[in-house]
Amino acid sequence: MNAWLHLAVLLHPVMASAAPAPPPPAEQVVMADQETAMDSILSEDLIRALRDPFQLPLSAIMKKETPKSELETLALKDFKLQGIISGPRKVRAMLSGAGGKTYFVKVGDRIGVRGGKITQITADAVRVTEFYQDEKGRNVPDIYELRLAGELVSLTKKDEDKQ
């Protein structure tokens, strides 16, 4: 019996360390479960796949950068008004581009690299409206006229000069 008591005293530290540890508080268990769940959801590949919140989405970039016609690939200053063609129902303008190519345009056509739109064709000019964002983020119209004399005039600048 004495041998058993001696053995029990020697094994007591080993038995104490083998005893299960008290369970952690419930808050720590919940936090650990949430962290492992987040780790499984936010894998490294998924984090790389997320877009930068400070950049435009790819779809918006693609929309902006893909011109729909040749008229949208040249700057407005590269066009020269060659003539106005008027009929009983339609009015068209004949423009020449930088490469000497001729274009026939009508009201509503897109023109220029800044997304301009032909808003009016008169007897001696073509009026184009472009929009830009000011420092407050508002879209502000910028109106230009291509004249038969071969000049490009900003009507918005004239209005600002008068004020």
C-alpha atoms as a PDB file:
ATOM      1  CA  MET A   1       0.000   0.000   0.000  1.00  0.00           C
ATOM      2  CA  ASN A   2       2.875   2.275   0.801  1.00  0.00           C
ATOM      3  CA  ALA A   3       4.185   1.721  -2.728  1.00  0.00           C
ATOM      4  CA  TRP A   4       0.882   2.807  -4.225  1.00  0.00           C
ATOM      5  CA  LEU A   5       0.864   5.998  -2.164  1.00  0.00           C
ATOM      6  CA  HIS A   6       4.415   6.738  -3.182  1.00  0.00           C
ATOM      7  CA  LEU A   7       3.443   6.189  -6.865  1.00  0.00           C
ATOM      8  CA  ALA A   8       0.398   8.449  -6.492  1.00  0.00           C
ATOM      9  CA  VAL A   9       2.515  11.258  -5.038  1.00  0.00           C
ATOM     10  CA  LEU A  10       5.004  10.980  -7.897  1.00  0.00           C
ATOM     11  CA  LEU A  11       2.332  10.916 -10.592  1.00  0.00           C
ATOM     12  CA  HIS A  12       0.246  13.713  -9.093  1.00  0.00           C
ATOM     13  CA  PRO A  13       1.940  16.520 -11.134  1.00  0.00           C
ATOM     14  CA  VAL A  14       1.604  14.422 -14.307  1.00  0.00           C
ATOM     15  CA  MET A  15      -2.052  13.695 -13.603  1.00  0.00           C
ATOM     16  CA  ALA A  16      -2.739  17.350 -12.835  1.00  0.00           C
ATOM     17  CA  SER A  17      -1.268  18.436 -16.169  1.00  0.00           C
ATOM     18  CA  ALA A  18      -3.250  15.764 -18.005  1.00  0.00           C
ATOM     19  CA  ALA A  19      -6.492  17.008 -16.489  1.00  0.00           C
ATOM     20  CA  PRO A  20      -8.580  19.020 -18.922  1.00  0.00           C
ATOM     21  CA  ALA A  21      -8.153  22.779 -18.737  1.00  0.00           C
ATOM     22  CA  PRO A  22     -11.168  24.775 -17.692  1.00  0.00           C
ATOM     23  CA  PRO A  23     -13.199  25.922 -20.725  1.00  0.00           C
ATOM     24  CA  PRO A  24     -12.518  29.452 -21.961  1.00  0.00           C
ATOM     25  CA  PRO A  25     -15.174  32.100 -21.444  1.00  0.00           C
ATOM     26  CA  ALA A  26     -17.995  32.043 -24.018  1.00  0.00           C
ATOM     27  CA  GLU A  27     -16.888  35.395 -25.548  1.00  0.00           C
ATOM     28  CA  GLN A  28     -13.501  33.978 -26.511  1.00  0.00           C
ATOM     29  CA  VAL A  29     -15.106  30.904 -28.118  1.00  0.00           C
ATOM     30  CA  VAL A  30     -17.437  33.083 -30.221  1.00  0.00           C
ATOM     31  CA  MET A  31     -14.554  35.361 -31.283  1.00  0.00           C
ATOM     32  CA  ALA A  32     -12.393  32.385 -32.269  1.00  0.00           C
ATOM     33  CA  ASP A  33     -15.245  30.900 -34.315  1.00  0.00           C
ATOM     34  CA  GLN A  34     -15.810  34.233 -36.067  1.00  0.00           C
ATOM     35  CA  GLU A  35     -12.112  34.615 -36.875  1.00  0.00           C
ATOM     36  CA  THR A  36     -11.889  31.161 -38.426  1.00  0.00           C
ATOM     37  CA  ALA A  37     -15.094  31.815 -40.366  1.00  0.00           C
ATOM     38  CA  MET A  38     -13.689  35.126 -41.649  1.00  0.00           C
ATOM     39  CA  ASP A  39     -10.397  33.448 -42.556  1.00  0.00           C
ATOM     40  CA  SER A  40     -12.232  30.847 -44.608  1.00  0.00           C
ATOM     41  CA  ILE A  41     -14.399  33.477 -46.331  1.00  0.00           C
ATOM     42  CA  LEU A  42     -11.632  36.019 -46.961  1.00  0.00           C
ATOM     43  CA  SER A  43      -9.077  33.853 -48.609  1.00  0.00           C
ATOM     44  CA  GLU A  44      -6.095  35.525 -50.203  1.00  0.00           C
ATOM     45  CA  ASP A  45      -7.469  34.929 -53.719  1.00  0.00           C
ATOM     46  CA  LEU A  46     -10.769  36.549 -52.847  1.00  0.00           C
ATOM     47  CA  ILE A  47      -9.047  39.591 -51.368  1.00  0.00           C
ATOM     48  CA  ARG A  48      -6.988  39.981 -54.550  1.00  0.00           C
ATOM     49  CA  ALA A  49     -10.165  39.675 -56.630  1.00  0.00           C
ATOM     50  CA  LEU A  50     -11.856  42.579 -54.820  1.00  0.00           C
ATOM     51  CA  ARG A  51     -11.528  45.895 -56.649  1.00  0.00           C
ATOM     52  CA  ASP A  52      -9.836  48.961 -55.234  1.00  0.00           C
ATOM     53  CA  PRO A  53     -12.592  51.236 -53.869  1.00  0.00           C
ATOM     54  CA  PHE A  54     -10.638  54.290 -55.043  1.00  0.00           C
ATOM     55  CA  GLN A  55     -10.716  53.282 -58.730  1.00  0.00           C
ATOM     56  CA  LEU A  56     -13.562  53.165 -61.224  1.00  0.00           C
ATOM     57  CA  PRO A  57     -15.063  49.751 -61.909  1.00  0.00           C
ATOM     58  CA  LEU A  58     -13.727  48.059 -65.018  1.00  0.00           C
ATOM     59  CA  SER A  59     -17.136  48.277 -66.710  1.00  0.00           C
ATOM     60  CA  ALA A  60     -17.164  52.071 -66.322  1.00  0.00           C
ATOM     61  CA  ILE A  61     -13.639  52.332 -67.700  1.00  0.00           C
ATOM     62  CA  MET A  62     -14.534  50.164 -70.677  1.00  0.00           C
ATOM     63  CA  LYS A  63     -17.626  52.291 -71.388  1.00  0.00           C
ATOM     64  CA  LYS A  64     -15.605  55.488 -71.366  1.00  0.00           C
ATOM     65  CA  GLU A  65     -12.675  54.256 -73.432  1.00  0.00           C
ATOM     66  CA  THR A  66     -14.454  52.489 -76.278  1.00  0.00           C
ATOM     67  CA  PRO A  67     -15.479  55.003 -78.950  1.00  0.00           C
ATOM     68  CA  LYS A  68     -18.523  53.971 -80.938  1.00  0.00           C
ATOM     69  CA  SER A  69     -17.539  55.744 -84.153  1.00  0.00           C
ATOM     70  CA  GLU A  70     -14.513  57.255 -85.869  1.00  0.00           C
ATOM     71  CA  LEU A  71     -15.802  60.721 -84.996  1.00  0.00           C
ATOM     72  CA  GLU A  72     -15.131  59.971 -81.320  1.00  0.00           C
ATOM     73  CA  THR A  73     -11.463  59.122 -81.893  1.00  0.00           C
ATOM     74  CA  LEU A  74     -10.416  62.644 -82.964  1.00  0.00           C
ATOM     75  CA  ALA A  75     -10.272  65.811 -80.891  1.00  0.00           C
ATOM     76  CA  LEU A  76     -12.793  68.510 -81.748  1.00  0.00           C
ATOM     77  CA  LYS A  77     -10.000  70.872 -82.820  1.00  0.00           C
ATOM     78  CA  ASP A  78      -8.988  68.367 -85.540  1.00  0.00           C
ATOM     79  CA  PHE A  79     -12.245  68.879 -87.467  1.00  0.00           C
ATOM     80  CA  LYS A  80     -12.874  71.545 -90.112  1.00  0.00           C
ATOM     81  CA  LEU A  81     -16.352  72.452 -91.313  1.00  0.00           C
ATOM     82  CA  GLN A  82     -16.409  72.134 -95.107  1.00  0.00           C
ATOM     83  CA  GLY A  83     -20.077  72.845 -95.798  1.00  0.00           C
ATOM     84  CA  ILE A  84     -23.727  72.576 -94.792  1.00  0.00           C
ATOM     85  CA  ILE A  85     -26.130  70.407 -96.769  1.00  0.00           C
ATOM     86  CA  SER A  86     -29.777  71.252 -96.251  1.00  0.00           C
ATOM     87  CA  GLY A  87     -32.779  69.483 -97.655  1.00  0.00           C
ATOM     88  CA  PRO A  88     -36.527  69.666 -97.090  1.00  0.00           C
ATOM     89  CA  ARG A  89     -36.352  67.469 -93.966  1.00  0.00           C
ATOM     90  CA  LYS A  90     -32.702  67.038 -93.017  1.00  0.00           C
ATOM     91  CA  VAL A  91     -29.747  69.262 -92.394  1.00  0.00           C
ATOM     92  CA  ARG A  92     -26.303  67.693 -92.523  1.00  0.00           C
ATOM     93  CA  ALA A  93     -22.825  69.091 -92.129  1.00  0.00           C
ATOM     94  CA  MET A  94     -19.718  67.995 -93.993  1.00  0.00           C
ATOM     95  CA  LEU A  95     -16.616  67.858 -91.805  1.00  0.00           C
ATOM     96  CA  SER A  96     -13.076  66.896 -92.663  1.00  0.00           C
ATOM     97  CA  GLY A  97     -10.882  65.186 -90.095  1.00  0.00           C
ATOM     98  CA  ALA A  98      -7.162  65.485 -89.419  1.00  0.00           C
ATOM     99  CA  GLY A  99      -6.323  62.786 -91.968  1.00  0.00           C
ATOM    100  CA  GLY A 100      -8.380  64.493 -94.675  1.00  0.00           C
ATOM    101  CA  LYS A 101     -11.244  62.024 -94.372  1.00  0.00           C
ATOM    102  CA  THR A 102     -14.733  63.474 -94.898  1.00  0.00           C
ATOM    103  CA  TYR A 103     -17.618  62.889 -92.484  1.00  0.00           C
ATOM    104  CA  PHE A 104     -21.296  63.726 -92.887  1.00  0.00           C
ATOM    105  CA  VAL A 105     -22.899  64.461 -89.531  1.00  0.00           C
ATOM    106  CA  LYS A 106     -26.355  65.318 -88.212  1.00  0.00           C
ATOM    107  CA  VAL A 107     -27.810  66.668 -84.975  1.00  0.00           C
ATOM    108  CA  GLY A 108     -27.414  64.083 -82.209  1.00  0.00           C
ATOM    109  CA  ASP A 109     -24.172  62.511 -83.492  1.00  0.00           C
ATOM    110  CA  ARG A 110     -21.340  62.021 -80.986  1.00  0.00           C
ATOM    111  CA  ILE A 111     -18.088  63.762 -81.853  1.00  0.00           C
ATOM    112  CA  GLY A 112     -14.719  64.364 -80.171  1.00  0.00           C
ATOM    113  CA  VAL A 113     -12.755  62.538 -77.510  1.00  0.00           C
ATOM    114  CA  ARG A 114     -14.553  64.325 -74.659  1.00  0.00           C
ATOM    115  CA  GLY A 115     -17.956  62.829 -75.481  1.00  0.00           C
ATOM    116  CA  GLY A 116     -19.330  65.845 -77.350  1.00  0.00           C
ATOM    117  CA  LYS A 117     -22.723  65.820 -79.044  1.00  0.00           C
ATOM    118  CA  ILE A 118     -23.839  67.875 -82.057  1.00  0.00           C
ATOM    119  CA  THR A 119     -26.744  69.945 -80.773  1.00  0.00           C
ATOM    120  CA  GLN A 120     -27.384  72.363 -83.644  1.00  0.00           C
ATOM    121  CA  ILE A 121     -26.463  72.885 -87.297  1.00  0.00           C
ATOM    122  CA  THR A 122     -26.969  76.407 -88.633  1.00  0.00           C
ATOM    123  CA  ALA A 123     -26.289  77.920 -92.048  1.00  0.00           C
ATOM    124  CA  ASP A 124     -22.616  78.598 -91.204  1.00  0.00           C
ATOM    125  CA  ALA A 125     -21.730  76.586 -88.073  1.00  0.00           C
ATOM    126  CA  VAL A 126     -22.052  73.322 -86.181  1.00  0.00           C
ATOM    127  CA  ARG A 127     -22.651  73.605 -82.430  1.00  0.00           C
ATOM    128  CA  VAL A 128     -21.181  70.881 -80.205  1.00  0.00           C
ATOM    129  CA  THR A 129     -21.860  70.482 -76.474  1.00  0.00           C
ATOM    130  CA  GLU A 130     -19.378  68.680 -74.256  1.00  0.00           C
ATOM    131  CA  PHE A 131     -19.662  68.117 -70.510  1.00  0.00           C
ATOM    132  CA  TYR A 132     -16.909  68.210 -67.915  1.00  0.00           C
ATOM    133  CA  GLN A 133     -16.921  67.898 -64.137  1.00  0.00           C
ATOM    134  CA  ASP A 134     -16.100  70.970 -62.109  1.00  0.00           C
ATOM    135  CA  GLU A 135     -14.362  70.959 -58.726  1.00  0.00           C
ATOM    136  CA  LYS A 136     -17.686  70.241 -56.963  1.00  0.00           C
ATOM    137  CA  GLY A 137     -18.372  67.179 -59.128  1.00  0.00           C
ATOM    138  CA  ARG A 138     -21.184  68.782 -61.163  1.00  0.00           C
ATOM    139  CA  ASN A 139     -21.469  68.176 -64.914  1.00  0.00           C
ATOM    140  CA  VAL A 140     -21.000  71.545 -66.610  1.00  0.00           C
ATOM    141  CA  PRO A 141     -21.704  72.098 -70.318  1.00  0.00           C
ATOM    142  CA  ASP A 142     -18.934  73.411 -72.542  1.00  0.00           C
ATOM    143  CA  ILE A 143     -20.311  74.660 -75.892  1.00  0.00           C
ATOM    144  CA  TYR A 144     -18.204  74.986 -79.041  1.00  0.00           C
ATOM    145  CA  GLU A 145     -18.920  76.057 -82.607  1.00  0.00           C
ATOM    146  CA  LEU A 146     -17.134  74.785 -85.698  1.00  0.00           C
ATOM    147  CA  ARG A 147     -17.473  77.611 -88.236  1.00  0.00           C
ATOM    148  CA  LEU A 148     -17.154  77.663 -92.008  1.00  0.00           C
ATOM    149  CA  ALA A 149     -14.191  80.006 -91.679  1.00  0.00           C
ATOM    150  CA  GLY A 150     -12.277  77.006 -90.282  1.00  0.00           C
ATOM    151  CA  GLU A 151     -12.210  78.151 -86.684  1.00  0.00           C
ATOM    152  CA  LEU A 152     -13.303  76.465 -83.469  1.00  0.00           C
ATOM    153  CA  VAL A 153     -14.896  78.943 -81.065  1.00  0.00           C
ATOM    154  CA  SER A 154     -15.819  78.307 -77.442  1.00  0.00           C
ATOM    155  CA  LEU A 155     -19.195  79.896 -76.736  1.00  0.00           C
ATOM    156  CA  THR A 156     -18.907  79.121 -73.037  1.00  0.00           C
ATOM    157  CA  LYS A 157     -15.724  81.200 -72.755  1.00  0.00           C
ATOM    158  CA  LYS A 158     -17.498  84.119 -74.468  1.00  0.00           C
ATOM    159  CA  ASP A 159     -20.330  83.920 -71.941  1.00  0.00           C
ATOM    160  CA  GLU A 160     -17.824  83.912 -69.071  1.00  0.00           C
ATOM    161  CA  ASP A 161     -16.001  86.933 -70.542  1.00  0.00           C
ATOM    162  CA  LYS A 162     -19.249  88.968 -70.703  1.00  0.00           C
ATOM    163  CA  GLN A 163     -19.991  88.471 -67.013  1.00  0.00           C
END
